[in-house]
C-alpha atoms as a PDB file:
ATOM      1  CA  MET A   1      19.412  50.750 -12.504  1.00  0.00           C
ATOM      2  CA  ILE A   2      21.700  47.839 -12.416  1.00  0.00           C
ATOM      3  CA  ARG A   3      20.985  47.360  -8.335  1.00  0.00           C
ATOM      4  CA  LYS A   4      17.392  47.657  -9.130  1.00  0.00           C
ATOM      5  CA  ILE A   5      17.361  44.873 -11.992  1.00  0.00           C
ATOM      6  CA  LEU A   6      19.375  42.582  -9.573  1.00  0.00           C
ATOM      7  CA  LYS A   7      16.893  42.982  -6.731  1.00  0.00           C
ATOM      8  CA  SER A   8      14.093  42.367  -9.064  1.00  0.00           C
ATOM      9  CA  ALA A   9      15.635  39.269 -10.284  1.00  0.00           C
ATOM     10  CA  VAL A  10      16.265  38.026  -6.447  1.00  0.00           C
ATOM     11  CA  PHE A  11      12.597  38.776  -5.823  1.00  0.00           C
ATOM     12  CA  VAL A  12      11.228  36.618  -8.908  1.00  0.00           C
ATOM     13  CA  ALA A  13      13.557  33.758  -7.888  1.00  0.00           C
ATOM     14  CA  MET A  14      12.456  33.833  -4.391  1.00  0.00           C
ATOM     15  CA  LEU A  15       8.934  33.842  -5.590  1.00  0.00           C
ATOM     16  CA  CYS A  16       9.411  30.956  -8.107  1.00  0.00           C
ATOM     17  CA  GLY A  17      10.833  28.967  -5.207  1.00  0.00           C
ATOM     18  CA  LEU A  18       7.892  29.546  -3.097  1.00  0.00           C
ATOM     19  CA  LEU A  19       5.585  28.433  -5.985  1.00  0.00           C
ATOM     20  CA  SER A  20       7.408  25.430  -6.495  1.00  0.00           C
ATOM     21  CA  LEU A  21       6.562  21.750  -5.647  1.00  0.00           C
ATOM     22  CA  ASP A  22       9.451  21.613  -3.083  1.00  0.00           C
ATOM     23  CA  ALA A  23       8.331  24.736  -1.319  1.00  0.00           C
ATOM     24  CA  PRO A  24       7.265  23.343   2.580  1.00  0.00           C
ATOM     25  CA  GLY A  25       3.615  22.810   3.064  1.00  0.00           C
ATOM     26  CA  TRP A  26       3.227  25.525   5.745  1.00  0.00           C
ATOM     27  CA  ILE A  27       3.708  28.063   3.237  1.00  0.00           C
ATOM     28  CA  PHE A  28       0.208  27.328   2.121  1.00  0.00           C
ATOM     29  CA  GLY A  29      -2.027  27.461   5.016  1.00  0.00           C
ATOM     30  CA  GLY A  30      -0.447  24.598   6.573  1.00  0.00           C
ATOM     31  CA  MET A  31      -1.241  21.857   4.302  1.00  0.00           C
ATOM     32  CA  PRO A  32       1.437  19.075   4.776  1.00  0.00           C
ATOM     33  CA  LYS A  33       3.612  18.741   1.267  1.00  0.00           C
ATOM     34  CA  ILE A  34       2.785  14.900   1.558  1.00  0.00           C
ATOM     35  CA  GLN A  35      -1.205  15.730   1.011  1.00  0.00           C
ATOM     36  CA  ALA A  36      -0.186  18.020  -2.031  1.00  0.00           C
ATOM     37  CA  GLU A  37       1.589  15.591  -3.582  1.00  0.00           C
ATOM     38  CA  ASN A  38      -0.199  12.472  -2.424  1.00  0.00           C
ATOM     39  CA  PRO A  39      -3.965  13.246  -2.906  1.00  0.00           C
ATOM     40  CA  LEU A  40      -4.921   9.667  -3.461  1.00  0.00           C
ATOM     41  CA  ILE A  41      -3.408   8.716   0.097  1.00  0.00           C
ATOM     42  CA  THR A  42      -3.948  10.556   3.580  1.00  0.00           C
ATOM     43  CA  ASP A  43      -1.482   9.636   6.111  1.00  0.00           C
ATOM     44  CA  GLY A  44       0.711   7.470   3.965  1.00  0.00           C
ATOM     45  CA  ASP A  45       3.604   7.736   6.530  1.00  0.00           C
ATOM     46  CA  PHE A  46       1.304   7.044   9.560  1.00  0.00           C
ATOM     47  CA  GLU A  47       3.309   9.594  11.807  1.00  0.00           C
ATOM     48  CA  SER A  48      -0.163  11.107  12.608  1.00  0.00           C
ATOM     49  CA  ASN A  49      -1.159   8.168  14.754  1.00  0.00           C
ATOM     50  CA  ALA A  50      -0.779   8.185  18.474  1.00  0.00           C
ATOM     51  CA  ASP A  51      -1.422   4.585  18.859  1.00  0.00           C
ATOM     52  CA  GLY A  52      -2.961   1.237  17.414  1.00  0.00           C
ATOM     53  CA  GLN A  53      -6.480   2.444  18.572  1.00  0.00           C
ATOM     54  CA  GLN A  54      -6.379   5.697  16.389  1.00  0.00           C
ATOM     55  CA  LEU A  55      -5.057   3.494  13.459  1.00  0.00           C
ATOM     56  CA  ARG A  56      -7.845   1.127  13.550  1.00  0.00           C
ATOM     57  CA  ALA A  57     -10.591   3.767  14.090  1.00  0.00           C
ATOM     58  CA  LYS A  58     -13.510   3.759  11.292  1.00  0.00           C
ATOM     59  CA  GLU A  59     -13.146   7.088   9.358  1.00  0.00           C
ATOM     60  CA  LYS A  60     -14.299   8.189   6.004  1.00  0.00           C
ATOM     61  CA  TRP A  61     -10.610   9.163   5.012  1.00  0.00           C
ATOM     62  CA  GLY A  62      -7.296   7.723   6.462  1.00  0.00           C
ATOM     63  CA  TRP A  63      -6.500   4.145   7.512  1.00  0.00           C
ATOM     64  CA  CYS A  64      -8.975   1.949   9.610  1.00  0.00           C
ATOM     65  CA  GLU A  65      -9.335  -1.706  10.287  1.00  0.00           C
ATOM     66  CA  SER A  66     -12.117  -2.828   8.072  1.00  0.00           C
ATOM     67  CA  ARG A  67     -12.730  -6.695   8.250  1.00  0.00           C
ATOM     68  CA  ARG A  68     -13.971  -6.361  11.710  1.00  0.00           C
ATOM     69  CA  ASN A  69     -13.237 -10.094  12.402  1.00  0.00           C
ATOM     70  CA  GLY A  70     -13.616 -10.334  16.143  1.00  0.00           C
ATOM     71  CA  ASN A  71     -10.337  -9.793  18.049  1.00  0.00           C
ATOM     72  CA  GLY A  72      -8.783  -9.795  14.679  1.00  0.00           C
ATOM     73  CA  ARG A  73      -8.738  -6.048  14.245  1.00  0.00           C
ATOM     74  CA  MET A  74      -6.570  -5.728  17.573  1.00  0.00           C
ATOM     75  CA  LEU A  75      -3.811  -7.333  15.507  1.00  0.00           C
ATOM     76  CA  LEU A  76      -3.438  -4.121  13.292  1.00  0.00           C
ATOM     77  CA  LYS A  77      -0.981  -2.065  15.450  1.00  0.00           C
ATOM     78  CA  CYS A  78       1.076   1.051  15.339  1.00  0.00           C
ATOM     79  CA  SER A  79       4.552   0.488  15.665  1.00  0.00           C
ATOM     80  CA  LYS A  80       6.837   3.141  16.992  1.00  0.00           C
ATOM     81  CA  LYS A  81       9.973   1.086  17.589  1.00  0.00           C
ATOM     82  CA  LYS A  82      12.933   0.513  15.311  1.00  0.00           C
ATOM     83  CA  VAL A  83      12.276  -2.247  12.930  1.00  0.00           C
ATOM     84  CA  PHE A  84      15.008  -3.761  10.788  1.00  0.00           C
ATOM     85  CA  GLY A  85      16.226  -0.404  10.324  1.00  0.00           C
ATOM     86  CA  ASN A  86      13.219   1.847  10.401  1.00  0.00           C
ATOM     87  CA  ALA A  87      12.803   4.006  13.185  1.00  0.00           C
ATOM     88  CA  THR A  88       9.662   5.887  12.024  1.00  0.00           C
ATOM     89  CA  THR A  89       5.969   5.198  12.845  1.00  0.00           C
ATOM     90  CA  LYS A  90       4.707   2.321  10.744  1.00  0.00           C
ATOM     91  CA  ALA A  91       1.776   0.183  10.605  1.00  0.00           C
ATOM     92  CA  MET A  92       2.035  -3.599  11.773  1.00  0.00           C
ATOM     93  CA  ILE A  93      -0.385  -6.402  11.110  1.00  0.00           C
ATOM     94  CA  LYS A  94       0.150  -9.410  13.420  1.00  0.00           C
ATOM     95  CA  GLY A  95      -0.737 -12.876  11.602  1.00  0.00           C
ATOM     96  CA  ASP A  96      -3.025 -15.242  13.419  1.00  0.00           C
ATOM     97  CA  PRO A  97      -4.540 -18.448  11.965  1.00  0.00           C
ATOM     98  CA  GLU A  98      -7.744 -17.725  13.626  1.00  0.00           C
ATOM     99  CA  TYR A  99      -8.583 -14.345  12.522  1.00  0.00           C
ATOM    100  CA  ASN A 100      -8.652 -12.085   9.189  1.00  0.00           C
ATOM    101  CA  THR A 101      -6.827  -8.581   9.556  1.00  0.00           C
ATOM    102  CA  TYR A 102      -7.324  -5.812   7.031  1.00  0.00           C
ATOM    103  CA  MET A 103      -5.914  -2.143   7.063  1.00  0.00           C
ATOM    104  CA  THR A 104      -7.805  -0.249   4.412  1.00  0.00           C
ATOM    105  CA  GLN A 105      -7.810   3.336   3.001  1.00  0.00           C
ATOM    106  CA  ARG A 106     -10.475   4.767   0.939  1.00  0.00           C
ATOM    107  CA  LEU A 107      -8.551   6.387  -1.943  1.00  0.00           C
ATOM    108  CA  GLY A 108      -9.074  10.218  -2.324  1.00  0.00           C
ATOM    109  CA  GLU A 109     -10.596   9.781  -5.632  1.00  0.00           C
ATOM    110  CA  SER A 110     -12.256   6.830  -7.380  1.00  0.00           C
ATOM    111  CA  GLN A 111      -9.930   5.725 -10.059  1.00  0.00           C
ATOM    112  CA  THR A 112     -10.998   4.424 -13.632  1.00  0.00           C
ATOM    113  CA  GLY A 113      -7.960   5.523 -15.594  1.00  0.00           C
ATOM    114  CA  GLU A 114      -4.182   5.261 -14.969  1.00  0.00           C
ATOM    115  CA  PHE A 115      -2.586   5.829 -11.817  1.00  0.00           C
ATOM    116  CA  ALA A 116       0.282   4.511  -9.382  1.00  0.00           C
ATOM    117  CA  LEU A 117       0.875   3.613  -5.929  1.00  0.00           C
ATOM    118  CA  GLN A 118       3.740   2.252  -4.157  1.00  0.00           C
ATOM    119  CA  TRP A 119       4.452   1.392  -0.575  1.00  0.00           C
ATOM    120  CA  ASP A 120       7.341   0.192   1.825  1.00  0.00           C
ATOM    121  CA  ILE A 121       6.825  -3.274   3.315  1.00  0.00           C
ATOM    122  CA  CYS A 122       8.867  -5.760   5.576  1.00  0.00           C
ATOM    123  CA  VAL A 123       7.640  -9.316   6.052  1.00  0.00           C
ATOM    124  CA  ARG A 124       8.762 -10.742   9.623  1.00  0.00           C
ATOM    125  CA  GLU A 125       6.973 -13.970   9.108  1.00  0.00           C
ATOM    126  CA  ILE A 126       4.753 -16.261   6.795  1.00  0.00           C
ATOM    127  CA  LEU A 127       3.143 -19.203   8.636  1.00  0.00           C
ATOM    128  CA  PRO A 128       3.989 -22.203   6.872  1.00  0.00           C
ATOM    129  CA  GLN A 129       0.793 -24.049   6.848  1.00  0.00           C
ATOM    130  CA  TYR A 130      -0.766 -21.957   4.192  1.00  0.00           C
ATOM    131  CA  ASN A 131       2.464 -20.475   2.753  1.00  0.00           C
ATOM    132  CA  ARG A 132       0.946 -17.317   1.483  1.00  0.00           C
ATOM    133  CA  SER A 133       0.373 -14.066   3.506  1.00  0.00           C
ATOM    134  CA  ALA A 134       1.227  -9.866   3.600  1.00  0.00           C
ATOM    135  CA  PHE A 135      -1.464  -9.414   1.031  1.00  0.00           C
ATOM    136  CA  GLN A 136      -1.509  -5.946  -1.107  1.00  0.00           C
ATOM    137  CA  ILE A 137      -4.892  -5.423  -2.789  1.00  0.00           C
ATOM    138  CA  ILE A 138      -6.225  -2.557  -4.713  1.00  0.00           C
ATOM    139  CA  GLY A 139      -9.994  -2.885  -5.464  1.00  0.00           C
ATOM    140  CA  ASP A 140     -13.471  -1.505  -4.525  1.00  0.00           C
ATOM    141  CA  ALA A 141     -16.110  -2.036  -1.771  1.00  0.00           C
ATOM    142  CA  SER A 142     -18.867  -3.498  -3.839  1.00  0.00           C
ATOM    143  CA  ALA A 143     -19.497  -6.689  -1.880  1.00  0.00           C
ATOM    144  CA  LYS A 144     -21.418  -6.245   1.369  1.00  0.00           C
ATOM    145  CA  GLY A 145     -20.841  -7.203   4.871  1.00  0.00           C
ATOM    146  CA  LYS A 146     -16.808  -7.893   4.854  1.00  0.00           C
ATOM    147  CA  GLY A 147     -15.517  -4.459   4.075  1.00  0.00           C
ATOM    148  CA  PRO A 148     -13.513  -3.461   1.037  1.00  0.00           C
ATOM    149  CA  ASN A 149     -11.102  -5.889  -0.989  1.00  0.00           C
ATOM    150  CA  ALA A 150     -12.592  -8.786   1.228  1.00  0.00           C
ATOM    151  CA  VAL A 151     -13.867 -11.043  -1.692  1.00  0.00           C
ATOM    152  CA  GLY A 152     -12.573 -11.837  -5.224  1.00  0.00           C
ATOM    153  CA  LYS A 153     -14.632  -9.846  -7.388  1.00  0.00           C
ATOM    154  CA  GLU A 154     -13.612  -6.575  -5.404  1.00  0.00           C
ATOM    155  CA  ARG A 155      -9.978  -7.282  -6.201  1.00  0.00           C
ATOM    156  CA  PHE A 156      -8.046  -5.563  -9.206  1.00  0.00           C
ATOM    157  CA  VAL A 157      -4.344  -5.591  -8.014  1.00  0.00           C
ATOM    158  CA  PHE A 158      -3.822  -8.675  -5.749  1.00  0.00           C
ATOM    159  CA  LEU A 159      -0.141  -9.286  -4.483  1.00  0.00           C
ATOM    160  CA  GLY A 160       1.341 -11.610  -1.754  1.00  0.00           C
ATOM    161  CA  PHE A 161       4.347 -12.787  -0.420  1.00  0.00           C
ATOM    162  CA  GLU A 162       5.181 -16.561   0.270  1.00  0.00           C
ATOM    163  CA  ASN A 163       8.197 -18.595   1.686  1.00  0.00           C
ATOM    164  CA  ALA A 164      10.763 -19.561  -0.939  1.00  0.00           C
ATOM    165  CA  GLU A 165      12.418 -22.814  -0.978  1.00  0.00           C
ATOM    166  CA  THR A 166      15.635 -21.212   0.838  1.00  0.00           C
ATOM    167  CA  PRO A 167      15.082 -20.400   4.347  1.00  0.00           C
ATOM    168  CA  GLY A 168      15.093 -16.741   5.399  1.00  0.00           C
ATOM    169  CA  LYS A 169      13.811 -16.081   1.602  1.00  0.00           C
ATOM    170  CA  ILE A 170      10.414 -14.705   0.264  1.00  0.00           C
ATOM    171  CA  ASN A 171       9.055 -14.511  -2.978  1.00  0.00           C
ATOM    172  CA  LEU A 172       6.691 -11.758  -4.063  1.00  0.00           C
ATOM    173  CA  VAL A 173       3.754 -12.943  -6.114  1.00  0.00           C
ATOM    174  CA  ALA A 174       0.957 -11.727  -8.177  1.00  0.00           C
ATOM    175  CA  PHE A 175      -2.457 -13.645  -7.763  1.00  0.00           C
ATOM    176  CA  GLU A 176      -4.217 -14.304 -11.007  1.00  0.00           C
ATOM    177  CA  GLY A 177      -7.827 -15.535 -10.158  1.00  0.00           C
ATOM    178  CA  GLY A 178      -9.655 -18.634 -10.086  1.00  0.00           C
ATOM    179  CA  LYS A 179     -10.331 -21.009  -7.478  1.00  0.00           C
ATOM    180  CA  GLU A 180      -6.799 -22.464  -7.141  1.00  0.00           C
ATOM    181  CA  TRP A 181      -4.072 -20.656  -5.283  1.00  0.00           C
ATOM    182  CA  ASP A 182      -1.453 -21.999  -7.629  1.00  0.00           C
ATOM    183  CA  LYS A 183      -2.573 -19.654 -10.474  1.00  0.00           C
ATOM    184  CA  LYS A 184      -0.148 -16.854  -9.698  1.00  0.00           C
ATOM    185  CA  THR A 185       2.959 -15.124 -11.334  1.00  0.00           C
ATOM    186  CA  LEU A 186       6.134 -14.961  -9.612  1.00  0.00           C
ATOM    187  CA  VAL A 187       7.356 -11.172  -9.594  1.00  0.00           C
ATOM    188  CA  ALA A 188      10.327 -11.138  -7.460  1.00  0.00           C
ATOM    189  CA  PRO A 189      11.855 -14.295  -6.164  1.00  0.00           C
ATOM    190  CA  GLY A 190      14.376 -14.559  -3.439  1.00  0.00           C
ATOM    191  CA  LEU A 191      13.815 -11.520  -1.464  1.00  0.00           C
ATOM    192  CA  ASP A 192      14.721 -11.423   2.373  1.00  0.00           C
ATOM    193  CA  LEU A 193      12.770 -11.840   5.239  1.00  0.00           C
ATOM    194  CA  LYS A 194      13.111  -8.936   7.840  1.00  0.00           C
ATOM    195  CA  THR A 195      13.999  -6.451   5.044  1.00  0.00           C
ATOM    196  CA  TRP A 196      12.500  -3.450   3.987  1.00  0.00           C
ATOM    197  CA  TYR A 197      11.381  -3.275   0.103  1.00  0.00           C
ATOM    198  CA  THR A 198       9.436  -0.618  -1.610  1.00  0.00           C
ATOM    199  CA  VAL A 199       6.539  -2.245  -3.951  1.00  0.00           C
ATOM    200  CA  SER A 200       5.398   0.061  -6.729  1.00  0.00           C
ATOM    201  CA  VAL A 201       2.498  -0.597  -9.078  1.00  0.00           C
ATOM    202  CA  LYS A 202       1.172   1.014 -12.277  1.00  0.00           C
ATOM    203  CA  VAL A 203      -2.583   0.701 -13.004  1.00  0.00           C
ATOM    204  CA  ASP A 204      -4.500   0.903 -16.081  1.00  0.00           C
ATOM    205  CA  VAL A 205      -8.193   0.571 -14.736  1.00  0.00           C
ATOM    206  CA  SER A 206      -9.719   1.044 -18.557  1.00  0.00           C
ATOM    207  CA  LYS A 207      -7.089  -1.582 -20.141  1.00  0.00           C
ATOM    208  CA  LYS A 208      -7.749  -4.148 -17.134  1.00  0.00           C
ATOM    209  CA  ARG A 209      -3.726  -4.246 -16.460  1.00  0.00           C
ATOM    210  CA  TYR A 210      -1.186  -3.464 -14.223  1.00  0.00           C
ATOM    211  CA  THR A 211       2.526  -3.618 -13.694  1.00  0.00           C
ATOM    212  CA  VAL A 212       4.401  -4.376 -10.442  1.00  0.00           C
ATOM    213  CA  SER A 213       8.053  -3.761  -9.620  1.00  0.00           C
ATOM    214  CA  VAL A 214      10.542  -3.626  -6.659  1.00  0.00           C
ATOM    215  CA  PRO A 215      12.734  -0.848  -7.429  1.00  0.00           C
ATOM    216  CA  GLY A 216      16.485  -1.581  -6.805  1.00  0.00           C
ATOM    217  CA  VAL A 217      15.733  -5.345  -7.325  1.00  0.00           C
ATOM    218  CA  MET A 218      14.007  -5.816 -10.434  1.00  0.00           C
ATOM    219  CA  ASP A 219      15.229  -4.308 -14.075  1.00  0.00           C
ATOM    220  CA  THR A 220      12.064  -4.799 -15.515  1.00  0.00           C
ATOM    221  CA  PRO A 221       8.302  -4.382 -14.217  1.00  0.00           C
ATOM    222  CA  VAL A 222       6.114  -7.299 -14.652  1.00  0.00           C
ATOM    223  CA  GLU A 223       3.053  -6.828 -16.578  1.00  0.00           C
ATOM    224  CA  MET A 224      -0.247  -8.437 -15.026  1.00  0.00           C
ATOM    225  CA  GLU A 225      -3.937  -8.528 -16.071  1.00  0.00           C
ATOM    226  CA  ALA A 226      -6.394  -7.520 -13.222  1.00  0.00           C
ATOM    227  CA  TYR A 227      -7.409 -10.356 -10.935  1.00  0.00           C
ATOM    228  CA  LYS A 228      -9.771 -12.402 -12.783  1.00  0.00           C
ATOM    229  CA  VAL A 229     -13.109 -13.250 -11.974  1.00  0.00           C
ATOM    230  CA  LYS A 230     -16.262 -14.422 -13.994  1.00  0.00           C
ATOM    231  CA  LYS A 231     -17.773 -11.091 -14.141  1.00  0.00           C
ATOM    232  CA  GLY A 232     -14.450  -9.127 -14.874  1.00  0.00           C
ATOM    233  CA  PRO A 233     -12.523  -6.879 -12.533  1.00  0.00           C
ATOM    234  CA  PRO A 234     -14.158  -3.696 -10.889  1.00  0.00           C
ATOM    235  CA  LYS A 235     -14.077  -1.002 -13.297  1.00  0.00           C
ATOM    236  CA  LYS A 236     -13.861   1.733 -10.535  1.00  0.00           C
ATOM    237  CA  LEU A 237     -10.928   1.421  -7.850  1.00  0.00           C
ATOM    238  CA  THR A 238     -11.846   3.104  -4.439  1.00  0.00           C
ATOM    239  CA  HIS A 239      -9.805   1.229  -1.806  1.00  0.00           C
ATOM    240  CA  ILE A 240      -6.350  -0.214  -1.130  1.00  0.00           C
ATOM    241  CA  SER A 241      -5.610  -2.825   1.794  1.00  0.00           C
ATOM    242  CA  PHE A 242      -2.965  -4.459   3.529  1.00  0.00           C
ATOM    243  CA  ALA A 243      -4.149  -7.951   5.031  1.00  0.00           C
ATOM    244  CA  SER A 244      -3.366 -11.074   6.755  1.00  0.00           C
ATOM    245  CA  TRP A 245      -5.864 -14.013   6.664  1.00  0.00           C
ATOM    246  CA  ASN A 246      -6.713 -17.134   8.721  1.00  0.00           C
ATOM    247  CA  ASP A 247      -5.656 -19.182   5.937  1.00  0.00           C
ATOM    248  CA  GLY A 248      -3.011 -16.720   4.752  1.00  0.00           C
ATOM    249  CA  PRO A 249      -1.247 -15.485   8.139  1.00  0.00           C
ATOM    250  CA  GLY A 250       1.789 -13.676   8.501  1.00  0.00           C
ATOM    251  CA  THR A 251       3.342 -10.425  10.347  1.00  0.00           C
ATOM    252  CA  PHE A 252       4.463  -7.676   8.484  1.00  0.00           C
ATOM    253  CA  TYR A 253       4.910  -4.015   8.320  1.00  0.00           C
ATOM    254  CA  ILE A 254       3.660  -1.300   6.224  1.00  0.00           C
ATOM    255  CA  ASP A 255       4.965   2.334   5.740  1.00  0.00           C
ATOM    256  CA  ASN A 256       5.126   5.239   3.408  1.00  0.00           C
ATOM    257  CA  VAL A 257       2.122   4.459   1.065  1.00  0.00           C
ATOM    258  CA  ARG A 258       2.282   7.094  -1.679  1.00  0.00           C
ATOM    259  CA  GLN A 259       2.126   8.048  -5.324  1.00  0.00           C
ATOM    260  CA  PRO A 260       5.690   7.837  -7.010  1.00  0.00           C
END
C-alpha cells in the first residue's frame, strides 16, 4: 500500500511538472516556450532569421523593415557575430544620414489597457550632427504611407539615446512631444556606448502613461506621460518599432524583445 501511494505521489509530481510554465515547449505539440510566455512578440530573440533579407521581409506577424525609404531598408541587418559579449543572433540597424530605417513588428494583440515589454539594446554610435538616435517606439499605424510609428500622432512610448557630455557615454531619454526636440526627460544618464542594457517599459494605455527603467542601473522607474500631440496619444497600441532616421542617425543592436 505504501509503495502504491509513493508511486501515485511521484506520478502527480511529474504531471504537475509537465503542466508548469517551466515545461519545455515541445511537450505541447512543438510550440516554442517563448511564444507561450510572450504572446505579444514573435521571434523576439531573432534566432529564426537566416539573414537580413528574411528579417526585412514584409509579413503580417514577425519583424519587417516597415519604412521602405529606398536603400534605407537594407540598413536593417541580421548579425550572428559576437558583438560586445553577445554571441547570439540579433538585429542591427546601421545609421545613415540619408535614410530612415525601421524594424517593426505588429503586436500579437492590440493593447488598450496595461501591459509590459522589454528589450536588450546596445548602441555602437550616435552621429553627432543631430545627437539623437536608436529610437524605441510603441504606437500604432493610423497614418498612411510611411508605416507604423513613423509620425508623431502614432507614438505613445517614444525613447531614444543621445551622446552625453563625456566621450563614450550616452543618455537614455524619453521624448515628450511638441515641435522642439529639447522637450525630453532624462531617464538614465551616463550609460556606456558598446554595452548591452535592458530597457523595460510598463504601459497603461487608458491612463495615457508609462514607466521606463533600465534594470541593474536605475533604482526607481521614471514615470512618463504618453507622447503629446494635439489630438492626444493613440488609444489602441498595435506596433513596436526600433529606428534610425536621416535626422537622427545611429548604429545599434536589438535582441530579446519580450514580455517580462
